[in-house]
Amino acid sequence: MATTYLVLVNNVLNELNESELTASNFSSSRGIQTAVKSFVLKAMHETYNALSEIPDLYISTSQTTNAGQRTYALPSAASPQSTDLAYRKMDWDTFRLVPKEIVTNGEFTSAISSWTTSSGTPAYNSGGNGRLRLNAAAAHQSLSTVKNKQYKIQVRLFDSSSAGTNLKVQVGTSAADTTNLNETISVSNFGEGKVLDTVFTASASTTFITLDNDASNNLDVDYVRISENISVKKLKYITYDDWNKRFLERDLTNSKSSQGSPECVYRTQNKEFGLSPVPDQSNYSIEYEYWKVHTDLSAHGDTIDLDDRFKDVITTRAKYYAYILRSDPQAAQMAYEEYKNQMQIIRSEYINSRVYMTDTRVH
C-alpha cells in the first residue's frame, strides 16, 4: 500500500511525541504539526534530488519525426505522449530510431477496440497479454501508409482448439482485399503458436489489414505488428558544441540533399533535443528513456513515488529539521547519520551498477 502524506507526517509527530493529525484536520494543522508537514516536503525534495535515477521515476516515451524538423521538445506534462511527465534527467544513451508502428491496438492488451468486424463476432480473449479470438469471424483495420513503400508485418497465432485451422491474413486497398498480401497461417505445434513474418508493398495511401477465420474453431491472434521496413538504429549522443563544430552547416542548409536518416542526437540549449542529419521522413519514431520529476504532496491522501520500504528515509530527514527547530543538535546529528545510512542502502540497490569490462573496438 502506497504511503500517504498523512502517514509520513504522523510518523514524524510520533517520534517527537506530538499529537497526530487526521484526515479531517490535516488541512487545518497548527504549530509543530504545520512545521512537520513542510519538513516532510523538504525531505522528500532532497531525497528525490539525490536519487534521480530510481525506477519509481522511470518513463519510456517516443517522438514521431517530421520531415525537415531538426529539434523536438523534451518531455513536459503530456508531451510528446499523453502518459508523459516533465523530465528530471534524460538517459541520452537510450535514444534509438525505430520504424513507427502503424497498427492501433495490435497487441490486444485489454480489448479489441480499433478493429472493425468484417463477419461473425470477433471477441476478446484475456489469455497471454490479451488476444483477438476469431471463430467463424473476421476483423479488419485501415492503416495510413505511403504508396510504394515496403512494410514489415508480423502476426502471431494460437490455435486454442488444436484443429489445424487456417487464418487468412489479407492486405489490400479495402477489407478482405488481397492486392498487397494474401497469406495463411496454421499452427502445427499446438500451445506454442506460429508467427507470420513477411513484407508487403503498399499500393495506396490507405491500406487495410484483414484477419479471417471462416471455420468454426477458435483461433487467437496474439499480436499484429506492421511498420515500414526500416532497421532499428541506436543514435550516437554528441554534445551541442560538437554538433556546432561538425554538423551545423550541413543541418542548417535549406536543401533536401542535407537531410537523411538520423545518426546522432544532441541536447540543445533550450530544453530540446536535435537530430543529425535532419530527418528526411515523417515516419521515423525516436524512442528514449528518462526519469520524471516526482509528484509533490499536498492533500493528506497523496502518495509518494518512492517504494514504500524506503519511506523511512523521508521521515528521518524530516526529523532532522524538526530537531533543529527544537534546538536539539545532538538528536539532529543522530537523525542525520541515520539518514545517510538509509541513503546508502537505497543507492546500493537503485543506483550502483555492476562494473565489467567490454570490448568497444569496431570490427
Foldseek 3Di string as FASTA:
>chain_A
DFDFLQNLLQVLCVVVVHDGDDQVCLVVDDDPSVLLSVLLQVLQVVLCVVVQQFPLQKDKDKDFAAALDWKDFDDDDCPPHNPTHAFDWFDQQFKKKDFFWFDDCQQQQPFDPQKAWPDDDWGWDPPDSIWIKDFLTKIKHKTFDDAQFKKKKKWWKAFPQQPFFKKWKAKADDEPHRPWHTDIDTDDPHPPTDMDIDMTGYHDRMMMIMIGGNHRGIMIIRGMTMGTPDDMGRAAEDEPVVCVPPPPVLQPDPDLVSADDFRHWYADPPNMITTPNRHNHRRMMIMTMGGHDWDGHDRRGDGGSDDPVLSVLSSLSSSLVSCVVVVNNVSNVVSVVVSVVSSVVCCVPGPDDDDDDDDPDDD
